[in-house]
Amino acid sequence: MASISVGKGDLLVTILCTGGSLVLHMEPVSTTTIPCTIGAVTPVRNNFHLGSPKDISVSVDAEATVRWNMRIEQ
């Protein structure tokens, strides 16, 4: 788990994954299940508009077969 402090405005989350599915937790903003194709890399991008600055806890739950990376930008 990681904690980040973000400002008001757009928050872009990009995940590349393969091998099953994962659950992205961004509390208190969102919890999202992401399907990850087996045998190919799946790019997923989510844009969240934040109306005020927030402290966000970020974590990922995934099966051992899933390989993933994530980039968070503001």
PDB file of N, CA and C in Angstrom:
ATOM      1  N   MET A   1       0.847  -1.173   0.000  1.00  0.00           N
ATOM      2  CA  MET A   1       0.000   0.000   0.000  1.00  0.00           C
ATOM      3  C   MET A   1       0.894   1.238   0.000  1.00  0.00           C
ATOM      4  N   ALA A   2       0.431   2.245  -0.718  1.00  0.00           N
ATOM      5  CA  ALA A   2       1.126   3.529  -0.764  1.00  0.00           C
ATOM      6  C   ALA A   2       0.121   4.627  -0.475  1.00  0.00           C
ATOM      7  N   SER A   3       0.590   5.703   0.086  1.00  0.00           N
ATOM      8  CA  SER A   3      -0.250   6.875   0.316  1.00  0.00           C
ATOM      9  C   SER A   3       0.304   8.027  -0.501  1.00  0.00           C
ATOM     10  N   ILE A   4      -0.598   8.736  -1.192  1.00  0.00           N
ATOM     11  CA  ILE A   4      -0.188   9.893  -1.977  1.00  0.00           C
ATOM     12  C   ILE A   4      -1.090  11.066  -1.643  1.00  0.00           C
ATOM     13  N   SER A   5      -0.544  12.248  -1.735  1.00  0.00           N
ATOM     14  CA  SER A   5      -1.319  13.474  -1.574  1.00  0.00           C
ATOM     15  C   SER A   5      -1.436  14.113  -2.945  1.00  0.00           C
ATOM     16  N   VAL A   6      -2.667  14.391  -3.364  1.00  0.00           N
ATOM     17  CA  VAL A   6      -2.895  14.954  -4.685  1.00  0.00           C
ATOM     18  C   VAL A   6      -3.715  16.227  -4.566  1.00  0.00           C
ATOM     19  N   GLY A   7      -3.530  17.092  -5.550  1.00  0.00           N
ATOM     20  CA  GLY A   7      -4.249  18.354  -5.563  1.00  0.00           C
ATOM     21  C   GLY A   7      -5.567  18.244  -6.309  1.00  0.00           C
ATOM     22  N   LYS A   8      -6.303  19.330  -6.308  1.00  0.00           N
ATOM     23  CA  LYS A   8      -7.557  19.436  -7.050  1.00  0.00           C
ATOM     24  C   LYS A   8      -7.263  19.305  -8.543  1.00  0.00           C
ATOM     25  N   GLY A   9      -8.147  18.627  -9.281  1.00  0.00           N
ATOM     26  CA  GLY A   9      -7.994  18.507 -10.727  1.00  0.00           C
ATOM     27  C   GLY A   9      -7.978  17.058 -11.164  1.00  0.00           C
ATOM     28  N   ASP A  10      -7.462  16.828 -12.377  1.00  0.00           N
ATOM     29  CA  ASP A  10      -7.476  15.486 -12.951  1.00  0.00           C
ATOM     30  C   ASP A  10      -6.326  14.632 -12.421  1.00  0.00           C
ATOM     31  N   LEU A  11      -6.642  13.372 -12.159  1.00  0.00           N
ATOM     32  CA  LEU A  11      -5.675  12.372 -11.728  1.00  0.00           C
ATOM     33  C   LEU A  11      -5.753  11.234 -12.743  1.00  0.00           C
ATOM     34  N   LEU A  12      -4.657  10.976 -13.463  1.00  0.00           N
ATOM     35  CA  LEU A  12      -4.619   9.953 -14.496  1.00  0.00           C
ATOM     36  C   LEU A  12      -3.891   8.726 -13.974  1.00  0.00           C
ATOM     37  N   VAL A  13      -4.539   7.564 -14.060  1.00  0.00           N
ATOM     38  CA  VAL A  13      -3.958   6.302 -13.620  1.00  0.00           C
ATOM     39  C   VAL A  13      -3.859   5.381 -14.833  1.00  0.00           C
ATOM     40  N   THR A  14      -2.643   4.933 -15.144  1.00  0.00           N
ATOM     41  CA  THR A  14      -2.409   4.014 -16.259  1.00  0.00           C
ATOM     42  C   THR A  14      -1.868   2.710 -15.697  1.00  0.00           C
ATOM     43  N   ILE A  15      -2.486   1.601 -16.097  1.00  0.00           N
ATOM     44  CA  ILE A  15      -2.045   0.273 -15.673  1.00  0.00           C
ATOM     45  C   ILE A  15      -1.805  -0.570 -16.920  1.00  0.00           C
ATOM     46  N   LEU A  16      -0.679  -1.269 -16.951  1.00  0.00           N
ATOM     47  CA  LEU A  16      -0.399  -2.288 -17.951  1.00  0.00           C
ATOM     48  C   LEU A  16      -0.407  -3.616 -17.219  1.00  0.00           C
ATOM     49  N   CYS A  17      -1.167  -4.600 -17.735  1.00  0.00           N
ATOM     50  CA  CYS A  17      -1.244  -5.866 -17.023  1.00  0.00           C
ATOM     51  C   CYS A  17      -1.477  -7.036 -17.966  1.00  0.00           C
ATOM     52  N   THR A  18      -1.177  -8.225 -17.469  1.00  0.00           N
ATOM     53  CA  THR A  18      -1.410  -9.463 -18.203  1.00  0.00           C
ATOM     54  C   THR A  18      -1.615 -10.593 -17.206  1.00  0.00           C
ATOM     55  N   GLY A  19      -2.414 -11.599 -17.584  1.00  0.00           N
ATOM     56  CA  GLY A  19      -2.467 -12.808 -16.786  1.00  0.00           C
ATOM     57  C   GLY A  19      -3.655 -13.044 -15.895  1.00  0.00           C
ATOM     58  N   GLY A  20      -4.732 -12.299 -16.015  1.00  0.00           N
ATOM     59  CA  GLY A  20      -5.899 -12.523 -15.149  1.00  0.00           C
ATOM     60  C   GLY A  20      -6.644 -11.235 -14.896  1.00  0.00           C
ATOM     61  N   SER A  21      -6.908 -10.921 -13.636  1.00  0.00           N
ATOM     62  CA  SER A  21      -7.549  -9.646 -13.305  1.00  0.00           C
ATOM     63  C   SER A  21      -6.953  -9.128 -12.001  1.00  0.00           C
ATOM     64  N   LEU A  22      -7.140  -7.831 -11.778  1.00  0.00           N
ATOM     65  CA  LEU A  22      -6.677  -7.216 -10.536  1.00  0.00           C
ATOM     66  C   LEU A  22      -7.723  -6.240 -10.048  1.00  0.00           C
ATOM     67  N   VAL A  23      -7.618  -5.899  -8.782  1.00  0.00           N
ATOM     68  CA  VAL A  23      -8.503  -4.904  -8.186  1.00  0.00           C
ATOM     69  C   VAL A  23      -7.631  -3.743  -7.718  1.00  0.00           C
ATOM     70  N   LEU A  24      -7.921  -2.560  -8.250  1.00  0.00           N
ATOM     71  CA  LEU A  24      -7.217  -1.335  -7.874  1.00  0.00           C
ATOM     72  C   LEU A  24      -8.051  -0.607  -6.826  1.00  0.00           C
ATOM     73  N   HIS A  25      -7.454  -0.391  -5.657  1.00  0.00           N
ATOM     74  CA  HIS A  25      -8.105   0.348  -4.576  1.00  0.00           C
ATOM     75  C   HIS A  25      -7.443   1.728  -4.489  1.00  0.00           C
ATOM     76  N   MET A  26      -8.250   2.770  -4.619  1.00  0.00           N
ATOM     77  CA  MET A  26      -7.782   4.148  -4.440  1.00  0.00           C
ATOM     78  C   MET A  26      -8.758   4.812  -3.470  1.00  0.00           C
ATOM     79  N   GLU A  27      -8.548   4.557  -2.197  1.00  0.00           N
ATOM     80  CA  GLU A  27      -9.475   5.037  -1.175  1.00  0.00           C
ATOM     81  C   GLU A  27      -9.150   6.478  -0.803  1.00  0.00           C
ATOM     82  N   PRO A  28     -10.095   7.387  -0.796  1.00  0.00           N
ATOM     83  CA  PRO A  28     -11.539   7.229  -0.876  1.00  0.00           C
ATOM     84  C   PRO A  28     -12.121   7.514  -2.264  1.00  0.00           C
ATOM     85  N   VAL A  29     -11.343   7.404  -3.327  1.00  0.00           N
ATOM     86  CA  VAL A  29     -11.786   7.806  -4.665  1.00  0.00           C
ATOM     87  C   VAL A  29     -12.524   6.703  -5.414  1.00  0.00           C
ATOM     88  N   SER A  30     -11.955   5.494  -5.460  1.00  0.00           N
ATOM     89  CA  SER A  30     -12.519   4.456  -6.314  1.00  0.00           C
ATOM     90  C   SER A  30     -11.953   3.085  -5.965  1.00  0.00           C
ATOM     91  N   THR A  31     -12.727   2.042  -6.252  1.00  0.00           N
ATOM     92  CA  THR A  31     -12.249   0.657  -6.272  1.00  0.00           C
ATOM     93  C   THR A  31     -12.723   0.078  -7.595  1.00  0.00           C
ATOM     94  N   THR A  32     -11.772  -0.441  -8.387  1.00  0.00           N
ATOM     95  CA  THR A  32     -12.072  -0.873  -9.747  1.00  0.00           C
ATOM     96  C   THR A  32     -11.458  -2.238 -10.018  1.00  0.00           C
ATOM     97  N   THR A  33     -12.242  -3.138 -10.615  1.00  0.00           N
ATOM     98  CA  THR A  33     -11.720  -4.420 -11.079  1.00  0.00           C
ATOM     99  C   THR A  33     -11.290  -4.259 -12.532  1.00  0.00           C
ATOM    100  N   ILE A  34     -10.070  -4.695 -12.832  1.00  0.00           N
ATOM    101  CA  ILE A  34      -9.503  -4.527 -14.167  1.00  0.00           C
ATOM    102  C   ILE A  34      -9.184  -5.903 -14.750  1.00  0.00           C
ATOM    103  N   PRO A  35      -9.809  -6.254 -15.895  1.00  0.00           N
ATOM    104  CA  PRO A  35      -9.467  -7.516 -16.550  1.00  0.00           C
ATOM    105  C   PRO A  35      -8.141  -7.378 -17.290  1.00  0.00           C
ATOM    106  N   CYS A  36      -7.277  -8.381 -17.151  1.00  0.00           N
ATOM    107  CA  CYS A  36      -5.966  -8.374 -17.791  1.00  0.00           C
ATOM    108  C   CYS A  36      -5.862  -9.607 -18.692  1.00  0.00           C
ATOM    109  N   THR A  37      -5.783  -9.397 -19.974  1.00  0.00           N
ATOM    110  CA  THR A  37      -5.760 -10.480 -20.949  1.00  0.00           C
ATOM    111  C   THR A  37      -4.611 -11.439 -20.660  1.00  0.00           C
ATOM    112  N   ILE A  38      -4.871 -12.735 -20.798  1.00  0.00           N
ATOM    113  CA  ILE A  38      -3.816 -13.741 -20.650  1.00  0.00           C
ATOM    114  C   ILE A  38      -3.078 -13.835 -21.977  1.00  0.00           C
ATOM    115  N   GLY A  39      -1.750 -13.702 -21.947  1.00  0.00           N
ATOM    116  CA  GLY A  39      -0.941 -13.812 -23.150  1.00  0.00           C
ATOM    117  C   GLY A  39      -0.728 -12.518 -23.905  1.00  0.00           C
ATOM    118  N   ALA A  40      -1.288 -11.420 -23.422  1.00  0.00           N
ATOM    119  CA  ALA A  40      -1.092 -10.111 -24.048  1.00  0.00           C
ATOM    120  C   ALA A  40      -1.130  -9.043 -22.957  1.00  0.00           C
ATOM    121  N   VAL A  41      -0.494  -7.918 -23.229  1.00  0.00           N
ATOM    122  CA  VAL A  41      -0.497  -6.812 -22.273  1.00  0.00           C
ATOM    123  C   VAL A  41      -1.717  -5.942 -22.540  1.00  0.00           C
ATOM    124  N   THR A  42      -2.477  -5.692 -21.492  1.00  0.00           N
ATOM    125  CA  THR A  42      -3.677  -4.864 -21.581  1.00  0.00           C
ATOM    126  C   THR A  42      -3.381  -3.485 -21.000  1.00  0.00           C
ATOM    127  N   PRO A  43      -3.497  -2.404 -21.811  1.00  0.00           N
ATOM    128  CA  PRO A  43      -3.357  -1.056 -21.244  1.00  0.00           C
ATOM    129  C   PRO A  43      -4.722  -0.545 -20.778  1.00  0.00           C
ATOM    130  N   VAL A  44      -4.779   0.001 -19.582  1.00  0.00           N
ATOM    131  CA  VAL A  44      -6.014   0.563 -19.033  1.00  0.00           C
ATOM    132  C   VAL A  44      -5.690   1.943 -18.486  1.00  0.00           C
ATOM    133  N   ARG A  45      -6.508   2.923 -18.872  1.00  0.00           N
ATOM    134  CA  ARG A  45      -6.314   4.290 -18.371  1.00  0.00           C
ATOM    135  C   ARG A  45      -7.617   4.763 -17.737  1.00  0.00           C
ATOM    136  N   ASN A  46      -7.493   5.338 -16.553  1.00  0.00           N
ATOM    137  CA  ASN A  46      -8.640   5.915 -15.851  1.00  0.00           C
ATOM    138  C   ASN A  46      -8.309   7.351 -15.505  1.00  0.00           C
ATOM    139  N   ASN A  47      -9.282   8.226 -15.701  1.00  0.00           N
ATOM    140  CA  ASN A  47      -9.117   9.624 -15.342  1.00  0.00           C
ATOM    141  C   ASN A  47     -10.147   9.960 -14.259  1.00  0.00           C
ATOM    142  N   PHE A  48      -9.660  10.479 -13.147  1.00  0.00           N
ATOM    143  CA  PHE A  48     -10.536  10.875 -12.045  1.00  0.00           C
ATOM    144  C   PHE A  48     -10.438  12.384 -11.885  1.00  0.00           C
ATOM    145  N   HIS A  49     -11.576  13.055 -11.816  1.00  0.00           N
ATOM    146  CA  HIS A  49     -11.569  14.499 -11.562  1.00  0.00           C
ATOM    147  C   HIS A  49     -11.826  14.714 -10.075  1.00  0.00           C
ATOM    148  N   LEU A  50     -10.867  15.319  -9.406  1.00  0.00           N
ATOM    149  CA  LEU A  50     -10.975  15.559  -7.966  1.00  0.00           C
ATOM    150  C   LEU A  50     -11.374  17.011  -7.732  1.00  0.00           C
ATOM    151  N   GLY A  51     -12.425  17.205  -6.969  1.00  0.00           N
ATOM    152  CA  GLY A  51     -12.919  18.543  -6.697  1.00  0.00           C
ATOM    153  C   GLY A  51     -12.149  19.264  -5.606  1.00  0.00           C
ATOM    154  N   SER A  52     -11.310  18.527  -4.874  1.00  0.00           N
ATOM    155  CA  SER A  52     -10.522  19.121  -3.795  1.00  0.00           C
ATOM    156  C   SER A  52      -9.275  18.266  -3.571  1.00  0.00           C
ATOM    157  N   PRO A  53      -8.248  18.818  -2.925  1.00  0.00           N
ATOM    158  CA  PRO A  53      -7.058  18.007  -2.618  1.00  0.00           C
ATOM    159  C   PRO A  53      -7.438  16.820  -1.730  1.00  0.00           C
ATOM    160  N   LYS A  54      -6.701  15.699  -1.892  1.00  0.00           N
ATOM    161  CA  LYS A  54      -7.003  14.498  -1.116  1.00  0.00           C
ATOM    162  C   LYS A  54      -5.730  13.739  -0.775  1.00  0.00           C
ATOM    163  N   ASP A  55      -5.785  13.003   0.320  1.00  0.00           N
ATOM    164  CA  ASP A  55      -4.789  11.980   0.631  1.00  0.00           C
ATOM    165  C   ASP A  55      -5.419  10.663   0.215  1.00  0.00           C
ATOM    166  N   ILE A  56      -4.746   9.909  -0.659  1.00  0.00           N
ATOM    167  CA  ILE A  56      -5.298   8.686  -1.221  1.00  0.00           C
ATOM    168  C   ILE A  56      -4.410   7.506  -0.849  1.00  0.00           C
ATOM    169  N   SER A  57      -5.045   6.425  -0.397  1.00  0.00           N
ATOM    170  CA  SER A  57      -4.336   5.162  -0.152  1.00  0.00           C
ATOM    171  C   SER A  57      -4.505   4.302  -1.397  1.00  0.00           C
ATOM    172  N   VAL A  58      -3.381   3.864  -1.974  1.00  0.00           N
ATOM    173  CA  VAL A  58      -3.398   3.089  -3.211  1.00  0.00           C
ATOM    174  C   VAL A  58      -2.888   1.682  -2.919  1.00  0.00           C
ATOM    175  N   SER A  59      -3.661   0.662  -3.358  1.00  0.00           N
ATOM    176  CA  SER A  59      -3.209  -0.720  -3.239  1.00  0.00           C
ATOM    177  C   SER A  59      -3.804  -1.537  -4.381  1.00  0.00           C
ATOM    178  N   VAL A  60      -3.165  -2.675  -4.651  1.00  0.00           N
ATOM    179  CA  VAL A  60      -3.608  -3.572  -5.715  1.00  0.00           C
ATOM    180  C   VAL A  60      -3.707  -4.987  -5.158  1.00  0.00           C
ATOM    181  N   ASP A  61      -4.821  -5.658  -5.433  1.00  0.00           N
ATOM    182  CA  ASP A  61      -4.986  -7.082  -5.133  1.00  0.00           C
ATOM    183  C   ASP A  61      -4.968  -7.815  -6.467  1.00  0.00           C
ATOM    184  N   ALA A  62      -4.085  -8.801  -6.592  1.00  0.00           N
ATOM    185  CA  ALA A  62      -3.994  -9.561  -7.841  1.00  0.00           C
ATOM    186  C   ALA A  62      -3.550 -10.983  -7.542  1.00  0.00           C
ATOM    187  N   GLU A  63      -3.977 -11.906  -8.415  1.00  0.00           N
ATOM    188  CA  GLU A  63      -3.528 -13.283  -8.315  1.00  0.00           C
ATOM    189  C   GLU A  63      -2.041 -13.355  -8.648  1.00  0.00           C
ATOM    190  N   ALA A  64      -1.376 -14.437  -8.234  1.00  0.00           N
ATOM    191  CA  ALA A  64       0.064 -14.595  -8.475  1.00  0.00           C
ATOM    192  C   ALA A  64       0.398 -14.645  -9.962  1.00  0.00           C
ATOM    193  N   THR A  65      -0.562 -15.005 -10.808  1.00  0.00           N
ATOM    194  CA  THR A  65      -0.309 -15.104 -12.254  1.00  0.00           C
ATOM    195  C   THR A  65      -0.315 -13.753 -12.958  1.00  0.00           C
ATOM    196  N   VAL A  66      -0.801 -12.726 -12.287  1.00  0.00           N
ATOM    197  CA  VAL A  66      -0.931 -11.412 -12.907  1.00  0.00           C
ATOM    198  C   VAL A  66       0.369 -10.620 -12.767  1.00  0.00           C
ATOM    199  N   ARG A  67       0.794 -10.047 -13.878  1.00  0.00           N
ATOM    200  CA  ARG A  67       1.941  -9.131 -13.891  1.00  0.00           C
ATOM    201  C   ARG A  67       1.397  -7.762 -14.260  1.00  0.00           C
ATOM    202  N   TRP A  68       1.804  -6.740 -13.515  1.00  0.00           N
ATOM    203  CA  TRP A  68       1.248  -5.417 -13.747  1.00  0.00           C
ATOM    204  C   TRP A  68       2.250  -4.326 -13.381  1.00  0.00           C
ATOM    205  N   ASN A  69       2.037  -3.133 -13.940  1.00  0.00           N
ATOM    206  CA  ASN A  69       2.713  -1.932 -13.470  1.00  0.00           C
ATOM    207  C   ASN A  69       1.719  -0.793 -13.543  1.00  0.00           C
ATOM    208  N   MET A  70       1.985   0.256 -12.795  1.00  0.00           N
ATOM    209  CA  MET A  70       1.037   1.363 -12.690  1.00  0.00           C
ATOM    210  C   MET A  70       1.783   2.684 -12.637  1.00  0.00           C
ATOM    211  N   ARG A  71       1.171   3.681 -13.272  1.00  0.00           N
ATOM    212  CA  ARG A  71       1.702   5.049 -13.239  1.00  0.00           C
ATOM    213  C   ARG A  71       0.539   5.969 -12.854  1.00  0.00           C
ATOM    214  N   ILE A  72       0.789   6.852 -11.893  1.00  0.00           N
ATOM    215  CA  ILE A  72      -0.212   7.824 -11.455  1.00  0.00           C
ATOM    216  C   ILE A  72       0.350   9.210 -11.738  1.00  0.00           C
ATOM    217  N   GLU A  73      -0.427  10.013 -12.457  1.00  0.00           N
ATOM    218  CA  GLU A  73       0.030  11.355 -12.838  1.00  0.00           C
ATOM    219  C   GLU A  73      -1.023  12.398 -12.493  1.00  0.00           C
ATOM    220  N   GLN A  74      -0.531  13.598 -12.198  1.00  0.00           N
ATOM    221  CA  GLN A  74      -1.452  14.718 -12.029  1.00  0.00           C
ATOM    222  C   GLN A  74      -0.871  15.916 -12.703  1.00  0.00           C
TER     223      GLN A  74
END
